[in-house]
Amino acid sequence: MSASNDVAEKIQQARRDAENLKEQIRAKREAMNDTTLKTHTRDLPALSKTDRMRVRRTLKGHLAKIYAMHWAEDRSHLVSASQDGKLLVWDGITTNKVHAIPLRSSWVMTCAYSPSGGFVACGGLDNICSVYNLRSRETPIRVCRELNYHTGYLSCCRFLSDRQIVTSSGDMSCILWDIEAGSKVSEFSDHDGDVMSVSISPDKNMFISGACDATAKLWDLRSGKCVQTFRGHDSDINAVQYFPNGHAFGTGSDDASCRLFDIRADRELMQYTHEQILCGITSVGFSISGRYLFAGYDDYNCNVWDTLKGEKVFTLAGHDNRVSCLGVSSDGMALCTGSWDSILKIWA
């Protein structure tokens, strides 16, 4: 009996020591926090609220709710996924459909374009990441790889290259895959809730994940380990996106706030909230300079925020249902929003 008491006491002592160390880290971090982003940018000129973006293209073709979209790196093409069971590849300039790919499962939740423009991928409630070769001569294009290891729905996928892809899942894990071999390279497990979104760093060595445990985590793709955990949100994080310079990232949550976190300072820099915005955020993206933060909301709108000052600049209204996804083209010249109204809109 005394031996088990000793073990229990040691566990309690270890917990106390861990809490003590956490408190020391918090105190040290606060001591080094000499200013806030809002204070530091107080004298910065505000962004013009009259230079509104307008709808330049409307992409119609899906027959059901659009759940995801992703730009190609060539600046003009994009892929969208809808629960009509189709993956559509578009030319965003001409609005033509380049490919219409029928899916085995219509319950799709994510899609991605490879950096080379040669592949697209998608996944959803089938728990599988399906990869398609756009250079295939088959009509219609058939799946070339099915990456099957997750035990929960596939919430997000992002290519590192034509050979590697990162996926996140409702099974609380992320996986790095070797596409050619169709095998798992490494698994990333540290979240306590469904992982909803991932964003790859510009140097492709790290990635950020956001989850239903209200935390965002920074992972090292080389070591397979969680390097940092970022707290602050009060509810599920639905979307994460790297800041263009790779030293910070934005998040969007069901707590009706977007936030900016700095990786090097290991802390939250800014919250983007408004007393009249009470609904959740589905998607986030940055302008190429990083000065604008775009966020898609459940109330059918896309709000545009001044990243540095934390102020709402204007609202992009035009969809008739939830804005489920958005993305900024690689040259920064266009924003695309996708909605449950089955339409994609390109703004500039």
Protein backbone atom coordinates (compact mmCIF):
# COMPACT_ATOMS: atom_id res chain seq x y z
CA MET A 1 0.00 0.00 0.00
CA SER A 2 2.82 2.39 0.90
CA ALA A 3 4.48 1.79 -2.49
CA SER A 4 1.34 2.87 -4.37
CA ASN A 5 1.04 5.91 -2.07
CA ASP A 6 4.65 6.81 -2.90
CA VAL A 7 3.90 6.59 -6.63
CA ALA A 8 0.77 8.76 -6.25
CA GLU A 9 2.74 11.32 -4.26
CA LYS A 10 5.49 11.40 -6.90
CA ILE A 11 2.88 11.93 -9.64
CA GLN A 12 1.34 14.80 -7.68
CA GLN A 13 4.78 16.33 -7.10
CA ALA A 14 5.61 16.02 -10.82
CA ARG A 15 2.34 17.80 -11.67
CA ARG A 16 3.14 20.60 -9.21
CA ASP A 17 6.63 20.94 -10.69
CA ALA A 18 5.20 21.08 -14.23
CA GLU A 19 2.70 23.79 -13.24
CA ASN A 20 5.49 25.72 -11.53
CA LEU A 21 7.63 25.56 -14.66
CA LYS A 22 4.67 26.67 -16.83
CA GLU A 23 4.13 29.64 -14.51
CA GLN A 24 7.81 30.59 -14.76
CA ILE A 25 7.61 30.44 -18.57
CA ARG A 26 4.45 32.61 -18.54
CA ALA A 27 6.12 35.15 -16.23
CA LYS A 28 9.25 35.27 -18.41
CA ARG A 29 7.16 35.72 -21.56
CA GLU A 30 5.16 38.56 -19.98
CA ALA A 31 8.36 40.27 -18.81
CA MET A 32 9.66 40.31 -22.40
CA ASN A 33 6.36 41.64 -23.81
CA ASP A 34 7.39 45.31 -23.92
CA THR A 35 4.58 46.50 -26.23
CA THR A 36 1.52 45.37 -28.17
CA LEU A 37 1.03 45.37 -31.94
CA LYS A 38 -1.93 47.75 -31.57
CA THR A 39 0.18 50.22 -29.55
CA HIS A 40 3.15 49.91 -31.90
CA THR A 41 1.03 50.64 -35.00
CA ARG A 42 -1.06 53.43 -33.42
CA ASP A 43 0.51 56.16 -35.60
CA LEU A 44 0.38 54.09 -38.79
CA PRO A 45 -2.02 55.57 -41.40
CA ALA A 46 -5.30 53.63 -41.58
CA LEU A 47 -6.18 51.73 -44.73
CA SER A 48 -8.65 53.38 -47.09
CA LYS A 49 -12.21 52.15 -46.63
CA THR A 50 -13.28 53.46 -50.03
CA ASP A 51 -10.97 51.32 -52.19
CA ARG A 52 -13.38 48.39 -52.25
CA MET A 53 -12.73 45.12 -54.02
CA ARG A 54 -15.35 44.10 -56.58
CA VAL A 55 -16.46 40.79 -58.08
CA ARG A 56 -14.50 40.37 -61.33
CA ARG A 57 -15.45 36.77 -62.16
CA THR A 58 -18.26 34.42 -61.10
CA LEU A 59 -17.60 30.70 -61.50
CA LYS A 60 -20.82 28.70 -61.90
CA GLY A 61 -20.93 24.97 -62.48
CA HIS A 62 -21.25 23.19 -59.16
CA LEU A 63 -24.69 21.81 -58.30
CA ALA A 64 -24.32 21.63 -54.51
CA LYS A 65 -22.50 23.24 -51.59
CA ILE A 66 -18.86 24.13 -52.24
CA TYR A 67 -16.69 23.07 -49.32
CA ALA A 68 -13.15 23.88 -50.47
CA MET A 69 -11.03 25.69 -53.06
CA HIS A 70 -7.30 26.12 -53.65
CA TRP A 71 -5.30 28.22 -56.11
CA ALA A 72 -2.59 26.79 -58.34
CA GLU A 73 0.80 28.51 -58.20
CA ASP A 74 0.45 29.58 -61.86
CA ARG A 75 -1.83 32.44 -60.64
CA SER A 76 -4.75 31.64 -62.95
CA HIS A 77 -6.00 28.12 -62.22
CA LEU A 78 -7.88 26.90 -59.16
CA VAL A 79 -9.58 23.73 -57.97
CA SER A 80 -12.88 23.51 -56.11
CA ALA A 81 -14.63 20.64 -54.34
CA SER A 82 -18.37 20.33 -53.91
CA GLN A 83 -20.74 17.79 -52.43
CA ASP A 84 -22.21 17.35 -55.91
CA GLY A 85 -19.42 14.76 -56.20
CA LYS A 86 -17.25 16.79 -58.55
CA LEU A 87 -13.79 18.26 -58.37
CA LEU A 88 -13.65 21.14 -60.87
CA VAL A 89 -10.44 22.72 -62.16
CA TRP A 90 -11.06 26.25 -63.43
CA ASP A 91 -9.27 28.88 -65.44
CA GLY A 92 -9.97 31.88 -63.20
CA ILE A 93 -9.36 34.38 -66.01
CA THR A 94 -11.63 32.92 -68.72
CA THR A 95 -13.97 31.17 -66.16
CA ASN A 96 -13.72 28.00 -68.28
CA LYS A 97 -13.76 24.58 -66.64
CA VAL A 98 -10.50 22.82 -67.54
CA HIS A 99 -11.29 19.48 -65.85
CA ALA A 100 -14.36 17.94 -64.24
CA ILE A 101 -13.31 15.01 -62.07
CA PRO A 102 -16.02 12.68 -60.73
CA LEU A 103 -15.35 11.58 -57.15
CA ARG A 104 -15.99 8.14 -55.64
CA SER A 105 -17.34 9.82 -52.50
CA SER A 106 -19.39 13.01 -52.79
CA TRP A 107 -18.79 13.84 -49.10
CA VAL A 108 -15.71 15.90 -49.86
CA MET A 109 -14.34 18.47 -47.37
CA THR A 110 -11.00 19.59 -48.78
CA CYS A 111 -9.01 19.94 -51.99
CA ALA A 112 -5.51 21.04 -52.96
CA TYR A 113 -3.44 21.92 -56.04
CA SER A 114 0.17 20.70 -56.25
CA PRO A 115 2.95 23.34 -56.65
CA SER A 116 3.81 22.07 -60.16
CA GLY A 117 0.18 22.25 -61.28
CA GLY A 118 0.28 18.59 -62.31
CA PHE A 119 -1.81 17.08 -59.52
CA VAL A 120 -4.89 17.82 -57.41
CA ALA A 121 -6.04 16.03 -54.28
CA CYS A 122 -9.20 15.84 -52.19
CA GLY A 123 -10.76 13.97 -49.28
CA GLY A 124 -13.60 14.01 -46.80
CA LEU A 125 -15.87 11.63 -44.94
CA ASP A 126 -14.36 8.64 -46.77
CA ASN A 127 -11.20 9.12 -44.61
CA ILE A 128 -9.10 8.86 -47.80
CA CYS A 129 -6.87 11.40 -49.56
CA SER A 130 -7.40 10.84 -53.30
CA VAL A 131 -4.74 12.19 -55.68
CA TYR A 132 -5.43 12.86 -59.39
CA ASN A 133 -2.89 13.39 -62.18
CA LEU A 134 -4.09 16.28 -64.37
CA ARG A 135 -1.69 15.21 -67.12
CA SER A 136 -3.50 11.88 -67.47
CA ARG A 137 -5.04 11.17 -70.87
CA GLU A 138 -7.97 9.35 -69.32
CA THR A 139 -11.41 10.91 -69.71
CA PRO A 140 -12.69 11.42 -67.13
CA ILE A 141 -9.51 11.54 -65.02
CA ARG A 142 -9.36 8.62 -62.59
CA VAL A 143 -7.75 8.55 -59.18
CA CYS A 144 -4.02 7.72 -59.37
CA ARG A 145 -3.34 7.29 -55.62
CA GLU A 146 -5.56 6.66 -52.60
CA LEU A 147 -3.83 7.44 -49.32
CA ASN A 148 -5.68 5.46 -46.70
CA TYR A 149 -4.55 5.39 -43.06
CA HIS A 150 -6.64 7.99 -41.19
CA THR A 151 -9.42 6.61 -38.98
CA GLY A 152 -11.46 9.83 -39.14
CA TYR A 153 -12.67 12.21 -41.84
CA LEU A 154 -10.09 14.11 -43.91
CA SER A 155 -10.45 17.82 -43.05
CA CYS A 156 -7.55 19.36 -45.00
CA CYS A 157 -4.73 18.42 -47.38
CA ARG A 158 -1.78 20.45 -48.70
CA PHE A 159 0.96 19.38 -51.13
CA LEU A 160 4.64 19.88 -50.29
CA SER A 161 5.59 18.71 -53.78
CA ASP A 162 4.34 16.26 -56.43
CA ARG A 163 5.74 13.49 -54.22
CA GLN A 164 4.61 14.54 -50.74
CA ILE A 165 1.38 15.77 -49.15
CA VAL A 166 0.26 16.62 -45.61
CA THR A 167 -3.24 15.68 -44.45
CA SER A 168 -5.23 16.48 -41.28
CA SER A 169 -8.09 14.47 -39.90
CA GLY A 170 -10.92 14.09 -37.42
CA ASP A 171 -8.84 11.31 -35.82
CA MET A 172 -6.83 14.11 -34.10
CA SER A 173 -3.70 13.51 -36.21
CA CYS A 174 -1.86 14.81 -39.26
CA ILE A 175 0.13 12.62 -41.66
CA LEU A 176 2.96 13.29 -44.12
CA TRP A 177 2.62 10.95 -47.12
CA ASP A 178 4.87 9.64 -49.85
CA ILE A 179 2.44 9.89 -52.77
CA GLU A 180 4.35 7.64 -55.19
CA ALA A 181 4.69 4.83 -52.67
CA GLY A 182 1.20 5.49 -51.29
CA SER A 183 2.62 5.18 -47.79
CA LYS A 184 2.75 7.16 -44.55
CA VAL A 185 6.12 8.87 -43.90
CA SER A 186 5.35 10.29 -40.46
CA GLU A 187 2.39 10.89 -38.17
CA PHE A 188 1.84 14.01 -36.05
CA SER A 189 -0.27 13.38 -32.94
CA ASP A 190 -0.54 15.89 -30.11
CA HIS A 191 -3.99 17.47 -30.49
CA ASP A 192 -6.89 16.59 -28.18
CA GLY A 193 -9.59 17.27 -30.79
CA ASP A 194 -10.33 16.95 -34.50
CA VAL A 195 -7.64 18.68 -36.58
CA MET A 196 -9.47 21.00 -38.97
CA SER A 197 -6.82 22.81 -41.01
CA VAL A 198 -3.13 22.85 -41.92
CA SER A 199 -0.86 25.44 -43.55
CA ILE A 200 2.63 24.73 -44.90
CA SER A 201 5.47 27.17 -44.16
CA PRO A 202 7.05 29.03 -47.11
CA ASP A 203 10.29 27.04 -46.68
CA LYS A 204 8.28 23.77 -46.54
CA ASN A 205 10.08 22.58 -43.39
CA MET A 206 7.25 23.30 -40.92
CA PHE A 207 3.47 23.38 -40.83
CA ILE A 208 0.75 24.80 -38.61
CA SER A 209 -2.35 22.87 -37.58
CA GLY A 210 -5.58 24.16 -36.02
CA ALA A 211 -7.97 21.90 -34.13
CA CYS A 212 -11.18 21.55 -32.13
CA ASP A 213 -9.15 21.59 -28.89
CA ALA A 214 -8.92 25.38 -29.51
CA THR A 215 -5.13 25.23 -30.01
CA ALA A 216 -2.84 25.74 -33.00
CA LYS A 217 0.39 23.76 -33.14
CA LEU A 218 3.65 24.25 -35.03
CA TRP A 219 5.20 21.01 -36.32
CA ASP A 220 8.65 20.24 -37.70
CA LEU A 221 8.27 18.06 -40.80
CA ARG A 222 11.86 16.84 -40.44
CA SER A 223 11.66 15.62 -36.85
CA GLY A 224 7.93 14.83 -36.81
CA LYS A 225 7.56 16.65 -33.49
CA CYS A 226 5.34 19.44 -32.17
CA VAL A 227 7.59 22.46 -31.59
CA GLN A 228 5.11 25.02 -30.20
CA THR A 229 1.50 25.19 -29.03
CA PHE A 230 -0.54 28.40 -29.29
CA ARG A 231 -3.54 28.96 -27.04
CA GLY A 232 -6.06 31.80 -26.82
CA HIS A 233 -9.18 30.79 -28.72
CA ASP A 234 -12.30 29.82 -26.78
CA SER A 235 -13.66 27.36 -29.32
CA ASP A 236 -12.76 25.17 -32.32
CA ILE A 237 -10.13 26.55 -34.71
CA ASN A 238 -11.50 25.97 -38.22
CA ALA A 239 -8.77 27.58 -40.31
CA VAL A 240 -5.06 28.42 -40.14
CA GLN A 241 -2.91 30.29 -42.66
CA TYR A 242 0.76 31.28 -42.62
CA PHE A 243 1.61 34.97 -42.80
CA PRO A 244 3.53 35.61 -46.08
CA ASN A 245 6.94 35.98 -44.34
CA GLY A 246 6.54 32.66 -42.48
CA HIS A 247 7.14 34.19 -39.02
CA ALA A 248 3.47 34.42 -38.01
CA PHE A 249 0.12 32.86 -38.81
CA GLY A 250 -3.58 33.68 -38.69
CA THR A 251 -6.42 31.59 -37.28
CA GLY A 252 -10.20 31.61 -37.57
CA SER A 253 -12.46 30.08 -34.94
CA ASP A 254 -16.03 29.30 -33.93
CA ASP A 255 -15.55 31.85 -31.11
CA ALA A 256 -16.23 34.58 -33.75
CA SER A 257 -12.62 35.81 -33.70
CA CYS A 258 -9.60 35.68 -35.96
CA ARG A 259 -6.20 35.96 -34.30
CA LEU A 260 -2.62 36.63 -35.33
CA PHE A 261 0.13 34.65 -33.60
CA ASP A 262 3.85 35.37 -33.81
CA ILE A 263 6.01 32.24 -33.88
CA ARG A 264 9.25 33.83 -32.67
CA ALA A 265 7.57 35.76 -29.84
CA ASP A 266 5.51 32.61 -29.03
CA ARG A 267 2.39 34.68 -28.38
CA GLU A 268 -0.83 36.15 -29.72
CA LEU A 269 -0.33 39.56 -31.36
CA MET A 270 -3.84 40.62 -32.32
CA GLN A 271 -7.52 39.69 -32.20
CA TYR A 272 -9.91 40.56 -35.02
CA THR A 273 -13.40 40.85 -33.57
CA HIS A 274 -16.43 43.11 -33.85
CA GLU A 275 -19.36 43.42 -31.45
CA GLN A 276 -21.80 42.80 -34.31
CA ILE A 277 -20.01 39.67 -35.56
CA LEU A 278 -21.24 36.71 -33.55
CA CYS A 279 -20.82 33.82 -35.99
CA GLY A 280 -17.91 31.46 -36.62
CA ILE A 281 -15.10 31.80 -39.13
CA THR A 282 -14.64 29.07 -41.74
CA SER A 283 -11.53 30.24 -43.60
CA VAL A 284 -8.72 32.81 -43.49
CA GLY A 285 -6.12 34.20 -45.90
CA PHE A 286 -3.61 37.06 -46.17
CA SER A 287 -2.93 39.52 -48.95
CA ILE A 288 0.54 39.15 -50.48
CA SER A 289 1.88 42.02 -48.35
CA GLY A 290 0.19 40.65 -45.23
CA ARG A 291 -1.55 43.97 -44.51
CA TYR A 292 -5.04 42.59 -45.22
CA LEU A 293 -6.53 39.56 -43.49
CA PHE A 294 -9.49 38.00 -45.31
CA ALA A 295 -11.93 35.86 -43.33
CA GLY A 296 -14.98 33.87 -44.47
CA TYR A 297 -17.95 33.76 -42.08
CA ASP A 298 -21.07 31.70 -41.45
CA ASP A 299 -23.19 34.86 -41.98
CA TYR A 300 -22.54 34.74 -45.78
CA ASN A 301 -19.90 37.52 -45.68
CA CYS A 302 -16.15 37.83 -46.13
CA ASN A 303 -14.72 40.48 -43.83
CA VAL A 304 -11.45 42.25 -44.61
CA TRP A 305 -9.29 43.28 -41.63
CA ASP A 306 -6.28 45.54 -41.24
CA THR A 307 -3.75 43.01 -39.93
CA LEU A 308 -1.59 45.58 -38.14
CA LYS A 309 -4.27 47.76 -36.55
CA GLY A 310 -6.92 45.10 -35.88
CA GLU A 311 -9.69 47.14 -37.52
CA LYS A 312 -12.33 45.93 -39.97
CA VAL A 313 -11.70 47.69 -43.29
CA PHE A 314 -14.76 46.54 -45.24
CA THR A 315 -17.08 43.61 -45.91
CA LEU A 316 -17.35 41.64 -49.16
CA ALA A 317 -21.02 40.69 -49.47
CA GLY A 318 -22.48 38.80 -52.40
CA HIS A 319 -22.94 35.15 -51.45
CA ASP A 320 -26.35 33.74 -50.53
CA ASN A 321 -25.07 31.20 -48.03
CA ARG A 322 -22.10 30.44 -45.78
CA VAL A 323 -18.66 31.40 -47.17
CA SER A 324 -16.99 28.01 -46.70
CA CYS A 325 -13.56 28.65 -48.23
CA LEU A 326 -11.32 31.37 -49.61
CA GLY A 327 -7.84 31.83 -51.02
CA VAL A 328 -5.52 34.50 -52.40
CA SER A 329 -3.78 33.83 -55.72
CA SER A 330 0.00 33.39 -55.59
CA ASP A 331 0.64 36.79 -57.23
CA GLY A 332 -1.71 38.48 -54.74
CA MET A 333 -3.88 39.93 -57.50
CA ALA A 334 -7.13 38.10 -56.72
CA LEU A 335 -9.18 36.68 -53.87
CA CYS A 336 -11.51 33.74 -54.49
CA THR A 337 -14.41 32.91 -52.16
CA GLY A 338 -16.45 29.71 -52.30
CA SER A 339 -19.84 29.26 -50.70
CA TRP A 340 -22.62 26.85 -49.85
CA ASP A 341 -24.60 28.74 -52.50
CA SER A 342 -22.60 26.59 -55.01
CA ILE A 343 -20.83 29.63 -56.53
CA LEU A 344 -17.21 30.81 -56.54
CA LYS A 345 -16.52 34.55 -56.80
CA ILE A 346 -13.18 36.12 -57.75
CA TRP A 347 -12.60 39.57 -56.23
CA ALA A 348 -9.98 42.21 -57.05
